[in-house]
PDB file of N, CA and C in Angstrom:
ATOM      1  N   MET A   1     -10.863  28.299   2.587  1.00  0.00           N
ATOM      2  CA  MET A   1     -10.840  27.132   3.408  1.00  0.00           C
ATOM      3  C   MET A   1     -10.045  26.509   4.026  1.00  0.00           C
ATOM      4  N   GLU A   2      -9.296  26.325   5.505  1.00  0.00           N
ATOM      5  CA  GLU A   2      -7.798  26.264   6.170  1.00  0.00           C
ATOM      6  C   GLU A   2      -7.527  24.650   5.616  1.00  0.00           C
ATOM      7  N   LYS A   3      -6.515  24.310   5.206  1.00  0.00           N
ATOM      8  CA  LYS A   3      -6.284  22.919   5.155  1.00  0.00           C
ATOM      9  C   LYS A   3      -6.806  22.101   6.178  1.00  0.00           C
ATOM     10  N   THR A   4      -6.791  22.272   7.499  1.00  0.00           N
ATOM     11  CA  THR A   4      -7.043  21.691   8.696  1.00  0.00           C
ATOM     12  C   THR A   4      -8.425  21.263   8.468  1.00  0.00           C
ATOM     13  N   GLU A   5      -9.463  22.270   8.137  1.00  0.00           N
ATOM     14  CA  GLU A   5     -10.866  22.342   8.036  1.00  0.00           C
ATOM     15  C   GLU A   5     -10.802  21.020   6.549  1.00  0.00           C
ATOM     16  N   ILE A   6     -10.154  21.103   5.721  1.00  0.00           N
ATOM     17  CA  ILE A   6     -10.300  19.922   4.606  1.00  0.00           C
ATOM     18  C   ILE A   6     -10.020  18.291   5.265  1.00  0.00           C
ATOM     19  N   LYS A   7      -9.376  18.749   6.097  1.00  0.00           N
ATOM     20  CA  LYS A   7      -8.538  17.363   6.609  1.00  0.00           C
ATOM     21  C   LYS A   7      -9.982  16.479   7.482  1.00  0.00           C
ATOM     22  N   ASP A   8     -10.335  17.750   8.312  1.00  0.00           N
ATOM     23  CA  ASP A   8     -11.507  17.541   9.395  1.00  0.00           C
ATOM     24  C   ASP A   8     -12.632  16.969   8.862  1.00  0.00           C
ATOM     25  N   LYS A   9     -12.803  17.612   7.443  1.00  0.00           N
ATOM     26  CA  LYS A   9     -14.162  17.151   6.995  1.00  0.00           C
ATOM     27  C   LYS A   9     -14.014  15.926   6.363  1.00  0.00           C
ATOM     28  N   LEU A  10     -12.343  15.598   5.944  1.00  0.00           N
ATOM     29  CA  LEU A  10     -12.419  14.487   4.629  1.00  0.00           C
ATOM     30  C   LEU A  10     -12.362  13.303   5.890  1.00  0.00           C
ATOM     31  N   LEU A  11     -11.544  13.418   7.040  1.00  0.00           N
ATOM     32  CA  LEU A  11     -11.591  12.437   7.942  1.00  0.00           C
ATOM     33  C   LEU A  11     -13.277  11.901   8.272  1.00  0.00           C
ATOM     34  N   GLU A  12     -14.295  12.882   8.491  1.00  0.00           N
ATOM     35  CA  GLU A  12     -15.749  12.620   8.249  1.00  0.00           C
ATOM     36  C   GLU A  12     -15.987  11.667   7.235  1.00  0.00           C
ATOM     37  N   ILE A  13     -15.835  11.774   6.169  1.00  0.00           N
ATOM     38  CA  ILE A  13     -16.177  10.954   5.309  1.00  0.00           C
ATOM     39  C   ILE A  13     -15.552   9.788   4.953  1.00  0.00           C
ATOM     40  N   ILE A  14     -14.380   9.562   5.446  1.00  0.00           N
ATOM     41  CA  ILE A  14     -13.586   8.443   5.738  1.00  0.00           C
ATOM     42  C   ILE A  14     -14.475   7.396   6.492  1.00  0.00           C
ATOM     43  N   GLY A  15     -14.822   8.143   7.754  1.00  0.00           N
ATOM     44  CA  GLY A  15     -15.565   7.261   8.616  1.00  0.00           C
ATOM     45  C   GLY A  15     -16.948   7.129   8.061  1.00  0.00           C
ATOM     46  N   GLU A  16     -17.725   7.761   7.575  1.00  0.00           N
ATOM     47  CA  GLU A  16     -18.842   7.134   6.759  1.00  0.00           C
ATOM     48  C   GLU A  16     -18.399   6.336   5.475  1.00  0.00           C
ATOM     49  N   GLU A  17     -17.785   6.472   4.840  1.00  0.00           N
ATOM     50  CA  GLU A  17     -17.385   5.170   3.680  1.00  0.00           C
ATOM     51  C   GLU A  17     -16.369   4.220   3.959  1.00  0.00           C
ATOM     52  N   LEU A  18     -15.853   4.287   4.973  1.00  0.00           N
ATOM     53  CA  LEU A  18     -14.630   3.125   5.172  1.00  0.00           C
ATOM     54  C   LEU A  18     -15.107   2.780   6.736  1.00  0.00           C
ATOM     55  N   PRO A  19     -16.336   2.179   6.705  1.00  0.00           N
ATOM     56  CA  PRO A  19     -16.453   1.576   8.247  1.00  0.00           C
ATOM     57  C   PRO A  19     -15.178   0.797   9.117  1.00  0.00           C
ATOM     58  N   ASP A  20     -14.760   0.044   8.233  1.00  0.00           N
ATOM     59  CA  ASP A  20     -13.575  -0.621   8.873  1.00  0.00           C
ATOM     60  C   ASP A  20     -12.558   0.053   9.387  1.00  0.00           C
ATOM     61  N   VAL A  21     -12.267   1.573   9.074  1.00  0.00           N
ATOM     62  CA  VAL A  21     -11.254   2.444   9.382  1.00  0.00           C
ATOM     63  C   VAL A  21     -11.566   3.450  10.820  1.00  0.00           C
ATOM     64  N   ASP A  22     -10.737   3.240  11.425  1.00  0.00           N
ATOM     65  CA  ASP A  22     -10.890   4.565  12.823  1.00  0.00           C
ATOM     66  C   ASP A  22     -10.323   5.707  12.183  1.00  0.00           C
ATOM     67  N   ALA A  23     -11.459   6.813  11.827  1.00  0.00           N
ATOM     68  CA  ALA A  23     -11.287   8.199  11.213  1.00  0.00           C
ATOM     69  C   ALA A  23     -10.207   9.057  11.939  1.00  0.00           C
ATOM     70  N   ALA A  24     -10.595   8.366  13.036  1.00  0.00           N
ATOM     71  CA  ALA A  24      -9.935   9.673  14.770  1.00  0.00           C
ATOM     72  C   ALA A  24      -8.402   9.109  14.889  1.00  0.00           C
ATOM     73  N   SER A  25      -8.054   7.965  14.088  1.00  0.00           N
ATOM     74  CA  SER A  25      -6.512   7.576  14.306  1.00  0.00           C
ATOM     75  C   SER A  25      -5.988   7.179  12.790  1.00  0.00           C
ATOM     76  N   VAL A  26      -6.860   7.721  11.775  1.00  0.00           N
ATOM     77  CA  VAL A  26      -6.182   7.747  10.710  1.00  0.00           C
ATOM     78  C   VAL A  26      -4.563   8.779  10.443  1.00  0.00           C
ATOM     79  N   ASP A  27      -3.327   8.264   9.711  1.00  0.00           N
ATOM     80  CA  ASP A  27      -2.546   8.802   9.495  1.00  0.00           C
ATOM     81  C   ASP A  27      -2.444   8.699   7.708  1.00  0.00           C
ATOM     82  N   THR A  28      -3.004  10.261   7.424  1.00  0.00           N
ATOM     83  CA  THR A  28      -2.931  10.858   6.579  1.00  0.00           C
ATOM     84  C   THR A  28      -1.720  10.819   5.320  1.00  0.00           C
ATOM     85  N   THR A  29      -0.436  10.298   5.881  1.00  0.00           N
ATOM     86  CA  THR A  29       0.414  10.267   5.054  1.00  0.00           C
ATOM     87  C   THR A  29       0.522   8.776   4.898  1.00  0.00           C
ATOM     88  N   ALA A  30      -0.364   7.696   5.560  1.00  0.00           N
ATOM     89  CA  ALA A  30       0.124   6.427   4.697  1.00  0.00           C
ATOM     90  C   ALA A  30      -0.661   6.175   3.511  1.00  0.00           C
ATOM     91  N   SER A  31      -0.365   5.053   3.333  1.00  0.00           N
ATOM     92  CA  SER A  31      -0.630   4.732   1.911  1.00  0.00           C
ATOM     93  C   SER A  31      -2.242   3.782   1.750  1.00  0.00           C
ATOM     94  N   LEU A  32      -2.569   4.450   0.899  1.00  0.00           N
ATOM     95  CA  LEU A  32      -4.382   4.424   0.774  1.00  0.00           C
ATOM     96  C   LEU A  32      -4.438   2.950   0.729  1.00  0.00           C
ATOM     97  N   ALA A  33      -4.042   2.428  -0.223  1.00  0.00           N
ATOM     98  CA  ALA A  33      -4.355   0.762  -0.841  1.00  0.00           C
ATOM     99  C   ALA A  33      -3.562   0.091   0.261  1.00  0.00           C
ATOM    100  N   ASP A  34      -2.078   0.087   0.507  1.00  0.00           N
ATOM    101  CA  ASP A  34      -1.518  -0.616   1.762  1.00  0.00           C
ATOM    102  C   ASP A  34      -2.202  -0.662   3.271  1.00  0.00           C
ATOM    103  N   ASP A  35      -2.367   0.455   3.389  1.00  0.00           N
ATOM    104  CA  ASP A  35      -2.201   0.667   4.856  1.00  0.00           C
ATOM    105  C   ASP A  35      -3.901   0.816   5.398  1.00  0.00           C
ATOM    106  N   TYR A  36      -4.864   1.110   4.178  1.00  0.00           N
ATOM    107  CA  TYR A  36      -6.044   1.219   4.569  1.00  0.00           C
ATOM    108  C   TYR A  36      -7.187   0.260   3.834  1.00  0.00           C
ATOM    109  N   GLY A  37      -6.357  -0.107   2.706  1.00  0.00           N
ATOM    110  CA  GLY A  37      -7.065  -1.406   1.931  1.00  0.00           C
ATOM    111  C   GLY A  37      -8.585  -0.424   1.107  1.00  0.00           C
ATOM    112  N   VAL A  38      -8.082   1.075   0.955  1.00  0.00           N
ATOM    113  CA  VAL A  38      -8.840   1.374  -0.219  1.00  0.00           C
ATOM    114  C   VAL A  38      -8.503   0.884  -1.589  1.00  0.00           C
ATOM    115  N   ASP A  39      -9.511   0.602  -2.163  1.00  0.00           N
ATOM    116  CA  ASP A  39      -9.750   0.246  -3.474  1.00  0.00           C
ATOM    117  C   ASP A  39     -10.635   1.069  -4.220  1.00  0.00           C
ATOM    118  N   SER A  40     -10.429   0.912  -5.748  1.00  0.00           N
ATOM    119  CA  SER A  40     -11.000   1.769  -6.365  1.00  0.00           C
ATOM    120  C   SER A  40     -12.501   2.042  -6.082  1.00  0.00           C
ATOM    121  N   VAL A  41     -13.046   1.359  -5.875  1.00  0.00           N
ATOM    122  CA  VAL A  41     -14.439   1.529  -5.430  1.00  0.00           C
ATOM    123  C   VAL A  41     -14.604   2.404  -4.432  1.00  0.00           C
ATOM    124  N   SER A  42     -14.145   2.281  -3.117  1.00  0.00           N
ATOM    125  CA  SER A  42     -14.559   2.890  -1.938  1.00  0.00           C
ATOM    126  C   SER A  42     -13.420   4.585  -2.119  1.00  0.00           C
ATOM    127  N   LEU A  43     -12.619   4.696  -3.162  1.00  0.00           N
ATOM    128  CA  LEU A  43     -12.011   5.602  -3.351  1.00  0.00           C
ATOM    129  C   LEU A  43     -12.816   6.557  -3.821  1.00  0.00           C
ATOM    130  N   ILE A  44     -13.790   6.050  -5.072  1.00  0.00           N
ATOM    131  CA  ILE A  44     -15.102   6.722  -6.178  1.00  0.00           C
ATOM    132  C   ILE A  44     -15.980   7.302  -4.886  1.00  0.00           C
ATOM    133  N   ARG A  45     -16.429   6.425  -4.073  1.00  0.00           N
ATOM    134  CA  ARG A  45     -17.470   6.796  -3.090  1.00  0.00           C
ATOM    135  C   ARG A  45     -16.816   7.732  -2.254  1.00  0.00           C
ATOM    136  N   MET A  46     -15.879   7.981  -1.682  1.00  0.00           N
ATOM    137  CA  MET A  46     -15.115   8.778  -1.161  1.00  0.00           C
ATOM    138  C   MET A  46     -15.318  10.103  -1.823  1.00  0.00           C
ATOM    139  N   ILE A  47     -14.352  10.553  -3.193  1.00  0.00           N
ATOM    140  CA  ILE A  47     -14.518  11.664  -3.803  1.00  0.00           C
ATOM    141  C   ILE A  47     -16.118  11.952  -3.873  1.00  0.00           C
ATOM    142  N   VAL A  48     -16.943  11.321  -4.635  1.00  0.00           N
ATOM    143  CA  VAL A  48     -18.370  11.907  -4.892  1.00  0.00           C
ATOM    144  C   VAL A  48     -18.591  12.463  -3.517  1.00  0.00           C
ATOM    145  N   ASP A  49     -18.761  11.942  -2.256  1.00  0.00           N
ATOM    146  CA  ASP A  49     -18.833  12.157  -0.878  1.00  0.00           C
ATOM    147  C   ASP A  49     -18.363  13.700  -0.975  1.00  0.00           C
ATOM    148  N   ALA A  50     -17.028  13.924  -1.312  1.00  0.00           N
ATOM    149  CA  ALA A  50     -15.840  15.037  -1.209  1.00  0.00           C
ATOM    150  C   ALA A  50     -16.315  16.353  -2.039  1.00  0.00           C
ATOM    151  N   GLU A  51     -16.964  15.689  -2.761  1.00  0.00           N
ATOM    152  CA  GLU A  51     -17.436  16.616  -4.382  1.00  0.00           C
ATOM    153  C   GLU A  51     -18.799  17.189  -3.596  1.00  0.00           C
ATOM    154  N   ALA A  52     -19.488  16.723  -2.817  1.00  0.00           N
ATOM    155  CA  ALA A  52     -20.885  17.512  -2.669  1.00  0.00           C
ATOM    156  C   ALA A  52     -20.431  18.384  -1.430  1.00  0.00           C
ATOM    157  N   ALA A  53     -19.407  17.719  -0.159  1.00  0.00           N
ATOM    158  CA  ALA A  53     -19.275  18.299   1.201  1.00  0.00           C
ATOM    159  C   ALA A  53     -18.726  19.612   0.488  1.00  0.00           C
ATOM    160  N   PHE A  54     -17.638  19.629  -0.704  1.00  0.00           N
ATOM    161  CA  PHE A  54     -16.662  20.807  -0.701  1.00  0.00           C
ATOM    162  C   PHE A  54     -16.965  21.980  -1.898  1.00  0.00           C
ATOM    163  N   ASP A  55     -18.385  20.827  -2.518  1.00  0.00           N
ATOM    164  CA  ASP A  55     -19.019  22.065  -3.535  1.00  0.00           C
ATOM    165  C   ASP A  55     -17.654  21.888  -4.834  1.00  0.00           C
ATOM    166  N   VAL A  56     -17.172  20.493  -4.987  1.00  0.00           N
ATOM    167  CA  VAL A  56     -15.693  20.479  -6.108  1.00  0.00           C
ATOM    168  C   VAL A  56     -16.241  19.783  -7.182  1.00  0.00           C
ATOM    169  N   LYS A  57     -15.839  19.535  -8.002  1.00  0.00           N
ATOM    170  CA  LYS A  57     -15.549  18.712  -9.212  1.00  0.00           C
ATOM    171  C   LYS A  57     -14.132  17.896  -9.596  1.00  0.00           C
ATOM    172  N   PHE A  58     -14.421  16.520  -9.462  1.00  0.00           N
ATOM    173  CA  PHE A  58     -13.233  15.722  -9.944  1.00  0.00           C
ATOM    174  C   PHE A  58     -13.688  15.206 -11.457  1.00  0.00           C
ATOM    175  N   ASP A  59     -12.633  15.410 -12.301  1.00  0.00           N
ATOM    176  CA  ASP A  59     -12.247  14.935 -13.838  1.00  0.00           C
ATOM    177  C   ASP A  59     -12.458  13.323 -13.435  1.00  0.00           C
ATOM    178  N   ASP A  60     -12.516  12.529 -14.423  1.00  0.00           N
ATOM    179  CA  ASP A  60     -12.540  11.344 -14.197  1.00  0.00           C
ATOM    180  C   ASP A  60     -11.529  10.604 -14.511  1.00  0.00           C
ATOM    181  N   ARG A  61     -10.417  11.208 -15.010  1.00  0.00           N
ATOM    182  CA  ARG A  61      -9.162  10.936 -14.873  1.00  0.00           C
ATOM    183  C   ARG A  61      -8.453  10.995 -13.577  1.00  0.00           C
ATOM    184  N   GLU A  62      -8.791  11.810 -12.412  1.00  0.00           N
ATOM    185  CA  GLU A  62      -8.733  12.271 -11.428  1.00  0.00           C
ATOM    186  C   GLU A  62      -9.447  11.064 -10.217  1.00  0.00           C
ATOM    187  N   LEU A  63     -10.139  10.087 -10.837  1.00  0.00           N
ATOM    188  CA  LEU A  63     -11.056   9.351 -10.127  1.00  0.00           C
ATOM    189  C   LEU A  63     -10.116   7.816 -10.109  1.00  0.00           C
ATOM    190  N   ALA A  64      -8.819   7.734 -10.473  1.00  0.00           N
ATOM    191  CA  ALA A  64      -8.162   6.611 -10.644  1.00  0.00           C
ATOM    192  C   ALA A  64      -7.368   6.567  -9.205  1.00  0.00           C
ATOM    193  N   LEU A  65      -7.560   5.575  -8.431  1.00  0.00           N
ATOM    194  CA  LEU A  65      -6.845   5.031  -7.085  1.00  0.00           C
ATOM    195  C   LEU A  65      -5.209   5.566  -7.295  1.00  0.00           C
ATOM    196  N   ASN A  66      -4.615   5.181  -8.684  1.00  0.00           N
ATOM    197  CA  ASN A  66      -3.156   5.439  -8.470  1.00  0.00           C
ATOM    198  C   ASN A  66      -2.810   6.912  -8.574  1.00  0.00           C
ATOM    199  N   LYS A  67      -3.755   7.759  -8.483  1.00  0.00           N
ATOM    200  CA  LYS A  67      -3.442   9.217  -8.578  1.00  0.00           C
ATOM    201  C   LYS A  67      -3.234   9.539  -7.471  1.00  0.00           C
ATOM    202  N   TYR A  68      -3.239   8.667  -6.186  1.00  0.00           N
ATOM    203  CA  TYR A  68      -3.449   9.100  -4.910  1.00  0.00           C
ATOM    204  C   TYR A  68      -2.803   7.955  -3.972  1.00  0.00           C
ATOM    205  N   GLU A  69      -1.735   8.067  -3.605  1.00  0.00           N
ATOM    206  CA  GLU A  69      -1.072   7.319  -2.556  1.00  0.00           C
ATOM    207  C   GLU A  69      -1.347   7.772  -1.430  1.00  0.00           C
ATOM    208  N   SER A  70      -1.654   8.630  -0.415  1.00  0.00           N
ATOM    209  CA  SER A  70      -2.173   9.032   0.552  1.00  0.00           C
ATOM    210  C   SER A  70      -3.451   9.986   0.654  1.00  0.00           C
ATOM    211  N   PHE A  71      -4.176   9.736   1.970  1.00  0.00           N
ATOM    212  CA  PHE A  71      -4.669  10.865   1.843  1.00  0.00           C
ATOM    213  C   PHE A  71      -4.635  11.891   2.005  1.00  0.00           C
ATOM    214  N   ASP A  72      -3.426  12.581   2.403  1.00  0.00           N
ATOM    215  CA  ASP A  72      -2.817  13.877   2.199  1.00  0.00           C
ATOM    216  C   ASP A  72      -3.077  14.353   0.676  1.00  0.00           C
ATOM    217  N   ASP A  73      -2.606  13.208  -0.270  1.00  0.00           N
ATOM    218  CA  ASP A  73      -3.078  13.403  -1.749  1.00  0.00           C
ATOM    219  C   ASP A  73      -3.971  14.101  -2.430  1.00  0.00           C
ATOM    220  N   VAL A  74      -5.307  13.404  -1.212  1.00  0.00           N
ATOM    221  CA  VAL A  74      -6.538  13.916  -1.440  1.00  0.00           C
ATOM    222  C   VAL A  74      -7.044  14.845  -1.072  1.00  0.00           C
ATOM    223  N   ILE A  75      -6.479  15.443   0.127  1.00  0.00           N
ATOM    224  CA  ILE A  75      -6.503  16.503   0.677  1.00  0.00           C
ATOM    225  C   ILE A  75      -6.246  17.805  -0.358  1.00  0.00           C
ATOM    226  N   ASP A  76      -4.831  17.314  -0.764  1.00  0.00           N
ATOM    227  CA  ASP A  76      -4.341  18.599  -1.665  1.00  0.00           C
ATOM    228  C   ASP A  76      -4.799  19.265  -2.814  1.00  0.00           C
ATOM    229  N   THR A  77      -5.184  18.222  -3.523  1.00  0.00           N
ATOM    230  CA  THR A  77      -6.422  18.164  -4.471  1.00  0.00           C
ATOM    231  C   THR A  77      -7.667  18.671  -4.383  1.00  0.00           C
ATOM    232  N   ILE A  78      -8.398  18.730  -3.255  1.00  0.00           N
ATOM    233  CA  ILE A  78      -9.310  19.691  -2.644  1.00  0.00           C
ATOM    234  C   ILE A  78      -9.195  20.857  -2.742  1.00  0.00           C
ATOM    235  N   GLU A  79      -7.880  21.025  -1.499  1.00  0.00           N
ATOM    236  CA  GLU A  79      -6.978  22.459  -1.443  1.00  0.00           C
ATOM    237  C   GLU A  79      -7.125  23.215  -2.812  1.00  0.00           C
ATOM    238  N   LYS A  80      -6.574  22.592  -3.360  1.00  0.00           N
ATOM    239  CA  LYS A  80      -6.102  22.995  -5.029  1.00  0.00           C
ATOM    240  C   LYS A  80      -7.732  23.709  -5.655  1.00  0.00           C
ATOM    241  N   LYS A  81      -8.793  22.749  -5.641  1.00  0.00           N
ATOM    242  CA  LYS A  81      -9.639  23.137  -6.268  1.00  0.00           C
ATOM    243  C   LYS A  81     -10.560  24.083  -5.759  1.00  0.00           C
ATOM    244  N   LEU A  82     -10.214  24.362  -4.206  1.00  0.00           N
ATOM    245  CA  LEU A  82     -10.750  25.374  -3.884  1.00  0.00           C
ATOM    246  C   LEU A  82     -10.446  26.760  -3.925  1.00  0.00           C
ATOM    247  N   GLN A  83      -8.953  26.679  -4.356  1.00  0.00           N
ATOM    248  CA  GLN A  83      -8.377  27.970  -4.464  1.00  0.00           C
ATOM    249  C   GLN A  83      -9.265  28.803  -5.761  1.00  0.00           C
TER     250      GLN A  83
END
């Protein structure tokens, strides 16, 4: 799966899990917490949806907000899991 496909699918998930965020205008390099108000709970919901969408599994240690500075970090993690 191409990185752009991963990004597009993750943006769909963001649109569902973060209703206050306009997924079409998300800057994937911006800070999850500072720029988009992502907290631990919303991150976990996003990751659970990503696990189902991409058929990947995140370890418990990968569920911490401090592991991801931006949406790009989440995209990179999914990309690695798909290889």
